[in-house]
Amino acid sequence: MSFAGSLKGRCGYITYEEDFRQLRIYWEWGVRGPIIGAIPCRWTSPPELMLTQEHQLEILAGLRLWLQEQKIPSTLDELWPADLCDEPLSKCIWVSCDNPRARGFYICKHHWTLSFLSSHLQWPPNQRLERP
């Protein structure tokens, strides 16, 4: 399990390698460091293999640590929410979630973390399927 990439220029990819598989994670340079794109749900190589949500979360956690070791600030740390809100009965607005929301957010820390993962949906619900 290893990350590699050069964070020079305006945008690029961080490469993650595991066994014989490779994953490319897009980034763009922001005001305070790189803005990390979503962790893909499909391996870049070989592309027919899908990642589970748990595996995506493991890669996200590893990426966060790798960036910290490189002393590179990123949106993963900049926006990392505090654990809980001080307000009583402050529930996450995600449907059917009973977790308390994170401080400064309307969702809980778990759903905030999931926002960094790309979806396994073949077609996002907000896009129409084009007919031939």
C-alpha atoms as a PDB file:
ATOM      1  CA  MET A   1       0.000   0.000   0.000  1.00  0.00           C
ATOM      2  CA  SER A   2       1.696   3.189  -1.161  1.00  0.00           C
ATOM      3  CA  PHE A   3       0.898   6.698  -2.328  1.00  0.00           C
ATOM      4  CA  ALA A   4       2.952   8.703  -4.802  1.00  0.00           C
ATOM      5  CA  GLY A   5       2.508  11.943  -6.639  1.00  0.00           C
ATOM      6  CA  SER A   6       3.848  15.377  -7.191  1.00  0.00           C
ATOM      7  CA  LEU A   7       1.702  18.211  -5.936  1.00  0.00           C
ATOM      8  CA  LYS A   8       3.130  20.775  -8.326  1.00  0.00           C
ATOM      9  CA  GLY A   9       1.195  22.814 -10.817  1.00  0.00           C
ATOM     10  CA  ARG A  10      -2.519  23.588 -10.701  1.00  0.00           C
ATOM     11  CA  CYS A  11      -3.859  20.030 -10.722  1.00  0.00           C
ATOM     12  CA  GLY A  12      -2.849  16.420 -11.071  1.00  0.00           C
ATOM     13  CA  TYR A  13      -3.211  12.935  -9.673  1.00  0.00           C
ATOM     14  CA  ILE A  14      -2.008  11.131  -6.586  1.00  0.00           C
ATOM     15  CA  THR A  15      -1.387   7.474  -7.391  1.00  0.00           C
ATOM     16  CA  TYR A  16      -2.239   4.739  -4.923  1.00  0.00           C
ATOM     17  CA  GLU A  17      -0.861   1.253  -5.521  1.00  0.00           C
ATOM     18  CA  GLU A  18      -1.869  -1.962  -3.826  1.00  0.00           C
ATOM     19  CA  ASP A  19      -0.687  -5.367  -5.042  1.00  0.00           C
ATOM     20  CA  PHE A  20      -1.170  -5.305  -8.825  1.00  0.00           C
ATOM     21  CA  ARG A  21      -3.836  -2.582  -8.746  1.00  0.00           C
ATOM     22  CA  GLN A  22      -3.544   1.169  -9.224  1.00  0.00           C
ATOM     23  CA  LEU A  23      -5.862   4.042  -8.355  1.00  0.00           C
ATOM     24  CA  ARG A  24      -5.559   7.676  -9.466  1.00  0.00           C
ATOM     25  CA  ILE A  25      -7.013  10.343  -7.150  1.00  0.00           C
ATOM     26  CA  TYR A  26      -7.565  13.774  -8.714  1.00  0.00           C
ATOM     27  CA  TRP A  27      -6.533  16.976  -6.927  1.00  0.00           C
ATOM     28  CA  GLU A  28      -6.552  20.711  -7.693  1.00  0.00           C
ATOM     29  CA  TRP A  29      -4.544  23.406  -5.983  1.00  0.00           C
ATOM     30  CA  GLY A  30      -6.621  25.573  -3.668  1.00  0.00           C
ATOM     31  CA  VAL A  31      -5.842  28.620  -1.553  1.00  0.00           C
ATOM     32  CA  ARG A  32      -4.503  26.572   1.385  1.00  0.00           C
ATOM     33  CA  GLY A  33      -3.266  23.457  -0.374  1.00  0.00           C
ATOM     34  CA  PRO A  34      -4.624  20.671  -2.547  1.00  0.00           C
ATOM     35  CA  ILE A  35      -8.343  20.097  -2.818  1.00  0.00           C
ATOM     36  CA  ILE A  36      -8.756  16.341  -2.957  1.00  0.00           C
ATOM     37  CA  GLY A  37     -11.269  14.911  -5.397  1.00  0.00           C
ATOM     38  CA  ALA A  38     -13.409  11.902  -4.592  1.00  0.00           C
ATOM     39  CA  ILE A  39     -11.868   8.495  -3.956  1.00  0.00           C
ATOM     40  CA  PRO A  40     -12.934   6.544  -7.075  1.00  0.00           C
ATOM     41  CA  CYS A  41     -15.129   3.455  -6.728  1.00  0.00           C
ATOM     42  CA  ARG A  42     -13.328   1.633  -9.557  1.00  0.00           C
ATOM     43  CA  TRP A  43      -9.605   0.856  -9.855  1.00  0.00           C
ATOM     44  CA  THR A  44      -7.785   2.764 -12.595  1.00  0.00           C
ATOM     45  CA  SER A  45      -5.904  -0.399 -13.449  1.00  0.00           C
ATOM     46  CA  PRO A  46      -7.459  -2.938 -13.923  1.00  0.00           C
ATOM     47  CA  PRO A  47     -10.612  -0.867 -14.521  1.00  0.00           C
ATOM     48  CA  GLU A  48     -13.094  -3.717 -14.261  1.00  0.00           C
ATOM     49  CA  LEU A  49     -12.467  -4.141 -10.501  1.00  0.00           C
ATOM     50  CA  MET A  50     -14.704  -2.210  -8.100  1.00  0.00           C
ATOM     51  CA  LEU A  51     -13.729  -1.006  -4.625  1.00  0.00           C
ATOM     52  CA  THR A  52     -16.003  -1.550  -1.649  1.00  0.00           C
ATOM     53  CA  GLN A  53     -17.041   1.449   0.412  1.00  0.00           C
ATOM     54  CA  GLU A  54     -14.946   0.115   3.310  1.00  0.00           C
ATOM     55  CA  HIS A  55     -11.880  -0.080   1.061  1.00  0.00           C
ATOM     56  CA  GLN A  56     -12.486   3.467  -0.198  1.00  0.00           C
ATOM     57  CA  LEU A  57     -12.632   4.659   3.433  1.00  0.00           C
ATOM     58  CA  GLU A  58      -9.338   2.866   4.210  1.00  0.00           C
ATOM     59  CA  ILE A  59      -7.689   4.548   1.215  1.00  0.00           C
ATOM     60  CA  LEU A  60      -9.080   7.941   2.278  1.00  0.00           C
ATOM     61  CA  ALA A  61      -7.659   7.490   5.795  1.00  0.00           C
ATOM     62  CA  GLY A  62      -4.301   6.430   4.322  1.00  0.00           C
ATOM     63  CA  LEU A  63      -4.265   9.419   1.963  1.00  0.00           C
ATOM     64  CA  ARG A  64      -4.976  11.786   4.838  1.00  0.00           C
ATOM     65  CA  LEU A  65      -2.039  10.348   6.820  1.00  0.00           C
ATOM     66  CA  TRP A  66       0.259  10.411   3.761  1.00  0.00           C
ATOM     67  CA  LEU A  67      -0.483  14.102   3.175  1.00  0.00           C
ATOM     68  CA  GLN A  68       0.142  14.857   6.870  1.00  0.00           C
ATOM     69  CA  GLU A  69       3.501  13.005   6.721  1.00  0.00           C
ATOM     70  CA  GLN A  70       4.431  15.095   3.665  1.00  0.00           C
ATOM     71  CA  LYS A  71       3.440  18.209   5.688  1.00  0.00           C
ATOM     72  CA  ILE A  72       0.947  19.129   2.982  1.00  0.00           C
ATOM     73  CA  PRO A  73      -2.239  20.793   4.228  1.00  0.00           C
ATOM     74  CA  SER A  74      -5.342  19.658   2.372  1.00  0.00           C
ATOM     75  CA  THR A  75      -9.104  19.923   2.462  1.00  0.00           C
ATOM     76  CA  LEU A  76      -9.145  16.586   4.285  1.00  0.00           C
ATOM     77  CA  ASP A  77      -7.680  18.295   7.368  1.00  0.00           C
ATOM     78  CA  GLU A  78      -8.841  21.852   6.840  1.00  0.00           C
ATOM     79  CA  LEU A  79     -12.504  20.921   6.905  1.00  0.00           C
ATOM     80  CA  TRP A  80     -12.224  17.948   9.297  1.00  0.00           C
ATOM     81  CA  PRO A  81     -15.164  18.496  11.643  1.00  0.00           C
ATOM     82  CA  ALA A  82     -14.970  18.404  15.395  1.00  0.00           C
ATOM     83  CA  ASP A  83     -16.510  15.299  16.918  1.00  0.00           C
ATOM     84  CA  LEU A  84     -19.886  16.472  18.184  1.00  0.00           C
ATOM     85  CA  CYS A  85     -22.067  19.527  18.294  1.00  0.00           C
ATOM     86  CA  ASP A  86     -22.729  21.153  21.681  1.00  0.00           C
ATOM     87  CA  GLU A  87     -26.418  21.593  20.957  1.00  0.00           C
ATOM     88  CA  PRO A  88     -28.729  18.993  22.466  1.00  0.00           C
ATOM     89  CA  LEU A  89     -30.811  17.004  19.981  1.00  0.00           C
ATOM     90  CA  SER A  90     -28.676  18.138  17.045  1.00  0.00           C
ATOM     91  CA  LYS A  91     -29.178  15.182  14.725  1.00  0.00           C
ATOM     92  CA  CYS A  92     -27.564  14.617  11.345  1.00  0.00           C
ATOM     93  CA  ILE A  93     -29.919  15.688   8.552  1.00  0.00           C
ATOM     94  CA  TRP A  94     -29.048  12.570   6.507  1.00  0.00           C
ATOM     95  CA  VAL A  95     -32.188  10.471   6.115  1.00  0.00           C
ATOM     96  CA  SER A  96     -32.630   7.929   8.927  1.00  0.00           C
ATOM     97  CA  CYS A  97     -29.359   8.907  10.651  1.00  0.00           C
ATOM     98  CA  ASP A  98     -29.554   9.304  14.420  1.00  0.00           C
ATOM     99  CA  ASN A  99     -25.936  10.424  14.890  1.00  0.00           C
ATOM    100  CA  PRO A 100     -25.313  13.888  16.348  1.00  0.00           C
ATOM    101  CA  ARG A 101     -24.144  16.327  13.706  1.00  0.00           C
ATOM    102  CA  ALA A 102     -20.539  17.507  13.662  1.00  0.00           C
ATOM    103  CA  ARG A 103     -19.767  20.968  15.002  1.00  0.00           C
ATOM    104  CA  GLY A 104     -20.283  23.510  12.236  1.00  0.00           C
ATOM    105  CA  PHE A 105     -21.984  20.977   9.949  1.00  0.00           C
ATOM    106  CA  TYR A 106     -25.525  19.757   9.347  1.00  0.00           C
ATOM    107  CA  ILE A 107     -24.376  16.161   8.931  1.00  0.00           C
ATOM    108  CA  CYS A 108     -22.488  13.776  11.197  1.00  0.00           C
ATOM    109  CA  LYS A 109     -18.782  13.025  10.880  1.00  0.00           C
ATOM    110  CA  HIS A 110     -19.521   9.656   9.245  1.00  0.00           C
ATOM    111  CA  HIS A 111     -21.621  11.172   6.441  1.00  0.00           C
ATOM    112  CA  TRP A 112     -19.126  14.014   6.008  1.00  0.00           C
ATOM    113  CA  THR A 113     -16.388  11.407   5.471  1.00  0.00           C
ATOM    114  CA  LEU A 114     -18.568   9.523   2.967  1.00  0.00           C
ATOM    115  CA  SER A 115     -18.831  12.749   0.925  1.00  0.00           C
ATOM    116  CA  PHE A 116     -15.206  12.145  -0.199  1.00  0.00           C
ATOM    117  CA  LEU A 117     -16.120   8.845  -1.874  1.00  0.00           C
ATOM    118  CA  SER A 118     -17.407   8.527  -5.406  1.00  0.00           C
ATOM    119  CA  SER A 119     -20.683   6.705  -5.782  1.00  0.00           C
ATOM    120  CA  HIS A 120     -21.154   3.151  -6.968  1.00  0.00           C
ATOM    121  CA  LEU A 121     -24.186   4.211  -8.995  1.00  0.00           C
ATOM    122  CA  GLN A 122     -23.840   3.576 -12.685  1.00  0.00           C
ATOM    123  CA  TRP A 123     -25.883   6.691 -13.501  1.00  0.00           C
ATOM    124  CA  PRO A 124     -26.279   9.453 -10.952  1.00  0.00           C
ATOM    125  CA  PRO A 125     -29.966  10.093 -10.227  1.00  0.00           C
ATOM    126  CA  ASN A 126     -29.634  13.737 -11.293  1.00  0.00           C
ATOM    127  CA  GLN A 127     -28.603  12.836 -14.866  1.00  0.00           C
ATOM    128  CA  ARG A 128     -30.926  11.519 -17.533  1.00  0.00           C
ATOM    129  CA  LEU A 129     -30.141   8.340 -19.358  1.00  0.00           C
ATOM    130  CA  GLU A 130     -29.620   9.278 -22.993  1.00  0.00           C
ATOM    131  CA  ARG A 131     -31.401   7.144 -25.545  1.00  0.00           C
ATOM    132  CA  PRO A 132     -29.743   6.212 -28.845  1.00  0.00           C
END
